[in-house]
């Protein structure tokens, strides 16, 4: 750890709503002629970065999150492409970390790699970090991730990941996937929901588990200051209830990534309206999709 003056107080401020103020890269009519960066980097603040993968590399275009604390940074998800040549995630993360450490020098700074769930478009870049010094990669599979958080024995627990003054709270949130995890960052007020909640097609593997997860997230958010609910994709258009077709690589009419806790309540109301017979149903900013 460097000089004490370089320590950042991540506990003193109350998060306040602020727009992400960003126009996300959203593909182009011709992927071959796409000129966007392989990875878009948005600095929400000097300690918080949101990354989006280029649709010309993979149509999923997932969002990733890099958060800095005093002792280590965490990268949440690693995208949809393994190749560092086509998807230079480690290079981008290394550059961001080098820049941050130049402003806040300290020794032995670590990188932790976690995931929202183990689907391929969220873990493909893991291999880029397996040989990185001072780095720990936690496998996203249920048998690995849940014991790491303590959920294997206590699935209703609220785990903590301490980055050094900046502490993330983590919840087991199955429904989309058995191993799904949601992260809350008190510094920004971000609730990072992976593929559980986002402006798009909410694929639900276990309808009852998903319903319980939404109830739990609402109860959790009622006790915290949540500024934005941030998932990992945008699949909707700005026309209410209309999504882009699967494998679309050009989405010029995307809505914002960020949702609110009010949308969690909309999802709960939709689930109750549908009842115990799961069916596909479109709502303005999301579509419930039973994944039978």
Protein backbone atom coordinates (compact mmCIF):
# COMPACT_ATOMS: atom_id res chain seq x y z
CA UNK A 1 0.00 0.00 0.00
CA UNK A 2 1.30 3.45 -0.88
CA UNK A 3 1.27 6.59 1.18
CA UNK A 4 -1.69 7.07 3.45
CA UNK A 5 -2.64 10.21 1.55
CA UNK A 6 -3.47 8.03 -1.45
CA UNK A 7 -6.18 6.12 0.43
CA UNK A 8 -9.65 6.80 -0.92
CA UNK A 9 -12.66 7.08 1.36
CA UNK A 10 -15.31 4.97 -0.35
CA UNK A 11 -17.58 5.02 2.70
CA UNK A 12 -18.15 8.72 3.31
CA UNK A 13 -20.35 9.65 0.37
CA UNK A 14 -23.97 8.75 -0.24
CA UNK A 15 -24.54 7.76 -3.87
CA UNK A 16 -26.70 10.21 -5.76
CA UNK A 17 -28.51 9.54 -9.02
CA UNK A 18 -26.52 10.69 -12.03
CA UNK A 19 -27.03 9.75 -15.61
CA UNK A 20 -24.50 7.53 -17.28
CA UNK A 21 -24.24 10.26 -19.92
CA UNK A 22 -22.94 7.96 -22.63
CA UNK A 23 -23.92 6.88 -26.12
CA UNK A 24 -23.04 3.22 -26.30
CA UNK A 25 -21.50 1.73 -29.41
CA UNK A 26 -24.34 -0.23 -31.00
CA UNK A 27 -22.96 -1.87 -34.13
CA UNK A 28 -23.15 -0.81 -37.75
CA UNK A 29 -25.03 -1.90 -40.90
CA UNK A 30 -21.90 -3.70 -42.06
CA UNK A 31 -19.88 -5.49 -39.38
CA UNK A 32 -17.04 -5.79 -41.88
CA UNK A 33 -16.74 -2.02 -42.09
CA UNK A 34 -17.34 -1.30 -38.40
CA UNK A 35 -14.94 1.34 -37.07
CA UNK A 36 -15.95 1.34 -33.40
CA UNK A 37 -13.38 0.29 -30.79
CA UNK A 38 -13.28 -3.39 -29.90
CA UNK A 39 -14.22 -2.37 -26.36
CA UNK A 40 -15.91 0.88 -25.42
CA UNK A 41 -14.76 2.25 -22.05
CA UNK A 42 -16.97 4.63 -20.09
CA UNK A 43 -15.64 6.21 -16.90
CA UNK A 44 -18.62 6.71 -14.62
CA UNK A 45 -16.16 8.18 -12.15
CA UNK A 46 -12.41 7.84 -11.71
CA UNK A 47 -12.83 4.55 -9.81
CA UNK A 48 -15.66 2.99 -11.84
CA UNK A 49 -15.60 1.85 -15.47
CA UNK A 50 -18.28 0.29 -17.66
CA UNK A 51 -17.08 -1.60 -20.74
CA UNK A 52 -19.07 -2.78 -23.74
CA UNK A 53 -17.95 -5.31 -26.30
CA UNK A 54 -18.30 -4.37 -29.96
CA UNK A 55 -21.21 -6.04 -31.77
CA UNK A 56 -18.98 -6.63 -34.78
CA UNK A 57 -17.00 -9.05 -32.60
CA UNK A 58 -20.03 -10.73 -31.01
CA UNK A 59 -23.69 -9.83 -31.39
CA UNK A 60 -24.27 -10.30 -27.66
CA UNK A 61 -22.29 -7.06 -27.04
CA UNK A 62 -22.19 -7.66 -23.27
CA UNK A 63 -21.37 -5.02 -20.68
CA UNK A 64 -18.57 -5.58 -18.15
CA UNK A 65 -17.73 -3.66 -15.01
CA UNK A 66 -14.32 -2.71 -13.56
CA UNK A 67 -14.40 -1.28 -10.04
CA UNK A 68 -11.39 -0.04 -8.08
CA UNK A 69 -10.89 -0.20 -4.32
CA UNK A 70 -7.89 0.65 -2.17
CA UNK A 71 -6.43 -2.87 -2.19
CA UNK A 72 -7.73 -4.46 -5.37
CA UNK A 73 -9.95 -4.02 -8.37
CA UNK A 74 -12.71 -6.35 -9.48
CA UNK A 75 -13.66 -7.15 -13.06
CA UNK A 76 -17.21 -8.47 -13.25
CA UNK A 77 -17.62 -10.70 -16.33
CA UNK A 78 -15.16 -11.17 -19.17
CA UNK A 79 -17.26 -10.96 -22.31
CA UNK A 80 -18.21 -13.19 -25.20
CA UNK A 81 -14.91 -13.75 -27.02
CA UNK A 82 -11.84 -15.67 -25.91
CA UNK A 83 -9.34 -14.32 -28.44
CA UNK A 84 -7.20 -11.45 -27.18
CA UNK A 85 -6.50 -10.58 -30.82
CA UNK A 86 -10.14 -9.85 -31.59
CA UNK A 87 -11.23 -8.91 -28.06
CA UNK A 88 -8.26 -7.36 -26.21
CA UNK A 89 -9.89 -7.31 -22.79
CA UNK A 90 -6.77 -7.89 -20.74
CA UNK A 91 -4.93 -5.13 -22.61
CA UNK A 92 -7.76 -2.67 -21.90
CA UNK A 93 -7.99 -3.69 -18.24
CA UNK A 94 -4.20 -3.50 -17.84
CA UNK A 95 -4.17 0.00 -19.31
CA UNK A 96 -6.98 1.16 -17.04
CA UNK A 97 -5.23 -0.31 -14.01
CA UNK A 98 -1.88 1.22 -14.94
CA UNK A 99 -3.51 4.61 -15.34
CA UNK A 100 -5.35 4.30 -12.02
CA UNK A 101 -2.20 3.18 -10.20
CA UNK A 102 -0.28 6.12 -11.66
CA UNK A 103 -2.76 8.40 -9.88
CA UNK A 104 -3.06 6.28 -6.73
CA UNK A 105 0.25 4.44 -6.38
CA UNK A 106 0.42 1.40 -4.11
CA UNK A 107 2.32 -1.88 -4.01
CA UNK A 108 0.90 -5.36 -4.52
CA UNK A 109 -2.35 -4.19 -6.06
CA UNK A 110 -4.58 -7.13 -6.99
CA UNK A 111 -7.19 -7.91 -9.61
CA UNK A 112 -10.16 -10.15 -8.82
CA UNK A 113 -12.28 -11.57 -11.66
CA UNK A 114 -15.87 -12.47 -10.77
CA UNK A 115 -18.99 -13.17 -12.83
CA UNK A 116 -22.72 -12.67 -12.82
CA UNK A 117 -23.25 -16.23 -14.12
CA UNK A 118 -21.43 -18.83 -16.26
CA UNK A 119 -23.03 -18.43 -19.69
CA UNK A 120 -20.43 -18.24 -22.44
CA UNK A 121 -20.93 -14.57 -23.28
CA UNK A 122 -19.92 -13.66 -19.72
CA UNK A 123 -16.88 -15.90 -19.19
CA UNK A 124 -15.20 -16.30 -22.59
CA UNK A 125 -12.36 -13.89 -21.76
CA UNK A 126 -11.36 -15.63 -18.53
CA UNK A 127 -8.36 -17.25 -20.19
CA UNK A 128 -6.79 -13.87 -20.85
CA UNK A 129 -6.32 -13.46 -17.09
CA UNK A 130 -5.25 -16.93 -15.93
CA UNK A 131 -1.55 -16.11 -16.18
CA UNK A 132 -1.82 -12.46 -15.14
CA UNK A 133 0.27 -11.69 -12.01
CA UNK A 134 -1.55 -10.63 -8.83
CA UNK A 135 -4.83 -11.89 -10.27
CA UNK A 136 -7.47 -14.28 -8.96
CA UNK A 137 -10.10 -15.66 -11.33
CA UNK A 138 -13.10 -17.30 -9.66
CA UNK A 139 -14.77 -19.81 -11.95
CA UNK A 140 -18.40 -18.85 -12.53
CA UNK A 141 -19.81 -22.37 -12.20
CA UNK A 142 -22.17 -23.11 -9.34
CA UNK A 143 -19.74 -25.54 -7.71
CA UNK A 144 -17.04 -22.87 -7.57
CA UNK A 145 -18.69 -19.47 -7.38
CA UNK A 146 -21.29 -20.18 -4.71
CA UNK A 147 -18.82 -21.67 -2.22
CA UNK A 148 -16.57 -18.64 -2.80
CA UNK A 149 -19.43 -16.34 -1.75
CA UNK A 150 -20.62 -18.70 0.98
CA UNK A 151 -23.90 -19.39 -0.82
CA UNK A 152 -23.42 -23.17 -1.00
CA UNK A 153 -24.38 -23.50 2.67
CA UNK A 154 -26.27 -20.22 3.05
CA UNK A 155 -28.01 -19.31 -0.22
CA UNK A 156 -29.96 -16.48 1.45
CA UNK A 157 -26.84 -14.81 2.85
CA UNK A 158 -25.60 -11.41 1.72
CA UNK A 159 -21.91 -11.90 1.01
CA UNK A 160 -19.30 -9.17 0.94
CA UNK A 161 -16.33 -8.63 -1.36
CA UNK A 162 -13.97 -6.09 0.16
CA UNK A 163 -11.88 -4.21 -2.40
CA UNK A 164 -10.30 -2.09 0.32
CA UNK A 165 -12.82 0.32 1.86
CA UNK A 166 -15.09 -0.26 -1.14
CA UNK A 167 -17.24 -3.26 -0.21
CA UNK A 168 -19.56 -4.97 -2.65
CA UNK A 169 -22.60 -6.84 -1.37
CA UNK A 170 -23.42 -10.01 -3.29
CA UNK A 171 -26.63 -12.02 -3.47
CA UNK A 172 -27.45 -15.40 -4.95
CA UNK A 173 -30.14 -14.65 -7.53
CA UNK A 174 -31.05 -17.84 -9.42
CA UNK A 175 -33.78 -18.01 -12.02
CA UNK A 176 -32.02 -17.09 -15.24
CA UNK A 177 -29.23 -19.49 -14.23
CA UNK A 178 -28.75 -21.63 -11.14
CA UNK A 179 -25.47 -19.89 -10.32
CA UNK A 180 -26.55 -16.29 -11.00
CA UNK A 181 -25.21 -13.61 -8.66
CA UNK A 182 -26.13 -9.93 -8.28
CA UNK A 183 -23.69 -7.31 -6.98
CA UNK A 184 -24.43 -4.04 -5.17
CA UNK A 185 -21.85 -1.26 -4.98
CA UNK A 186 -22.64 1.31 -2.30
CA UNK A 187 -20.09 3.77 -3.72
CA UNK A 188 -22.04 4.29 -6.96
CA UNK A 189 -25.38 2.84 -5.94
CA UNK A 190 -25.14 0.39 -8.85
CA UNK A 191 -27.10 -2.86 -8.67
CA UNK A 192 -25.37 -5.17 -11.17
CA UNK A 193 -27.92 -7.77 -12.21
CA UNK A 194 -26.25 -9.64 -15.07
CA UNK A 195 -28.88 -11.32 -17.24
CA UNK A 196 -31.49 -11.37 -14.48
CA UNK A 197 -32.76 -7.85 -15.21
CA UNK A 198 -31.88 -5.67 -18.20
CA UNK A 199 -33.68 -3.96 -21.11
CA UNK A 200 -34.21 -7.07 -23.16
CA UNK A 201 -35.38 -10.66 -23.22
CA UNK A 202 -35.29 -12.04 -19.69
CA UNK A 203 -34.73 -15.75 -20.25
CA UNK A 204 -36.10 -17.57 -17.22
CA UNK A 205 -34.90 -21.11 -16.63
CA UNK A 206 -36.68 -21.54 -13.28
CA UNK A 207 -39.87 -19.45 -13.06
CA UNK A 208 -40.37 -19.90 -9.31
CA UNK A 209 -36.74 -19.18 -8.48
CA UNK A 210 -36.83 -16.10 -10.70
CA UNK A 211 -39.94 -14.83 -8.91
CA UNK A 212 -38.27 -15.31 -5.54
CA UNK A 213 -35.18 -13.52 -6.82
CA UNK A 214 -37.18 -10.48 -7.95
CA UNK A 215 -38.91 -10.34 -4.55
CA UNK A 216 -35.55 -10.56 -2.83
CA UNK A 217 -34.00 -7.84 -4.96
CA UNK A 218 -36.91 -5.50 -4.21
CA UNK A 219 -36.58 -6.14 -0.47
CA UNK A 220 -32.80 -5.65 -0.70
CA UNK A 221 -33.12 -2.38 -2.61
CA UNK A 222 -35.69 -1.05 -0.14
CA UNK A 223 -32.87 -0.97 2.42
CA UNK A 224 -30.23 0.65 0.21
CA UNK A 225 -29.66 3.62 -2.03
CA UNK A 226 -29.82 2.24 -5.58
CA UNK A 227 -29.10 4.74 -8.33
CA UNK A 228 -29.15 2.41 -11.34
CA UNK A 229 -30.07 -1.19 -12.06
CA UNK A 230 -27.50 -2.30 -14.63
CA UNK A 231 -27.69 -5.57 -16.50
CA UNK A 232 -25.30 -6.87 -19.14
CA UNK A 233 -27.17 -6.38 -22.43
CA UNK A 234 -29.50 -4.10 -24.36
CA UNK A 235 -31.92 -5.94 -26.65
CA UNK A 236 -34.96 -3.65 -26.72
CA UNK A 237 -35.73 -0.83 -29.13
CA UNK A 238 -37.16 2.49 -27.98
CA UNK A 239 -40.55 1.31 -29.21
CA UNK A 240 -42.28 -0.10 -26.11
CA UNK A 241 -42.34 -3.88 -26.05
CA UNK A 242 -40.37 -4.31 -29.28
CA UNK A 243 -36.98 -6.02 -29.21
CA UNK A 244 -34.26 -6.40 -31.81
CA UNK A 245 -34.14 -9.87 -33.40
CA UNK A 246 -31.63 -12.31 -31.97
CA UNK A 247 -28.18 -11.99 -33.57
CA UNK A 248 -28.79 -8.38 -34.57
CA UNK A 249 -25.48 -6.55 -35.01
CA UNK A 250 -26.86 -3.04 -35.55
CA UNK A 251 -29.09 -1.45 -32.91
CA UNK A 252 -29.28 2.29 -33.61
CA UNK A 253 -32.49 2.78 -31.63
CA UNK A 254 -31.43 1.31 -28.28
CA UNK A 255 -32.88 2.57 -25.00
CA UNK A 256 -30.42 3.33 -22.18
CA UNK A 257 -28.79 0.45 -20.33
CA UNK A 258 -29.86 1.69 -16.91
CA UNK A 259 -33.12 0.66 -15.33
CA UNK A 260 -34.54 1.56 -11.91
CA UNK A 261 -35.89 -0.23 -8.87
CA UNK A 262 -39.31 0.71 -10.25
CA UNK A 263 -38.66 -1.70 -13.10
CA UNK A 264 -38.08 -4.47 -10.56
CA UNK A 265 -41.60 -3.81 -9.32
CA UNK A 266 -42.90 -3.86 -12.89
CA UNK A 267 -41.34 -7.27 -13.35
CA UNK A 268 -42.90 -8.51 -10.11
CA UNK A 269 -46.31 -7.22 -11.19
CA UNK A 270 -45.88 -8.92 -14.57
CA UNK A 271 -44.98 -12.22 -12.94
CA UNK A 272 -48.07 -12.04 -10.75
CA UNK A 273 -50.23 -11.16 -13.73
CA UNK A 274 -48.97 -14.20 -15.64
CA UNK A 275 -49.29 -16.51 -12.64
CA UNK A 276 -48.09 -20.11 -12.41
CA UNK A 277 -48.36 -20.90 -16.13
CA UNK A 278 -45.19 -19.33 -17.59
CA UNK A 279 -45.69 -17.63 -20.93
CA UNK A 280 -43.80 -15.19 -23.09
CA UNK A 281 -45.04 -11.67 -22.48
CA UNK A 282 -43.72 -8.33 -23.73
CA UNK A 283 -43.64 -5.20 -21.59
CA UNK A 284 -42.25 -1.75 -22.49
CA UNK A 285 -38.60 -2.35 -21.48
CA UNK A 286 -38.39 -6.12 -21.05
CA UNK A 287 -39.82 -9.37 -22.32
CA UNK A 288 -40.38 -12.33 -20.01
CA UNK A 289 -39.21 -15.47 -21.83
CA UNK A 290 -39.68 -18.86 -20.17
CA UNK A 291 -36.61 -20.88 -21.13
CA UNK A 292 -38.22 -24.31 -21.23
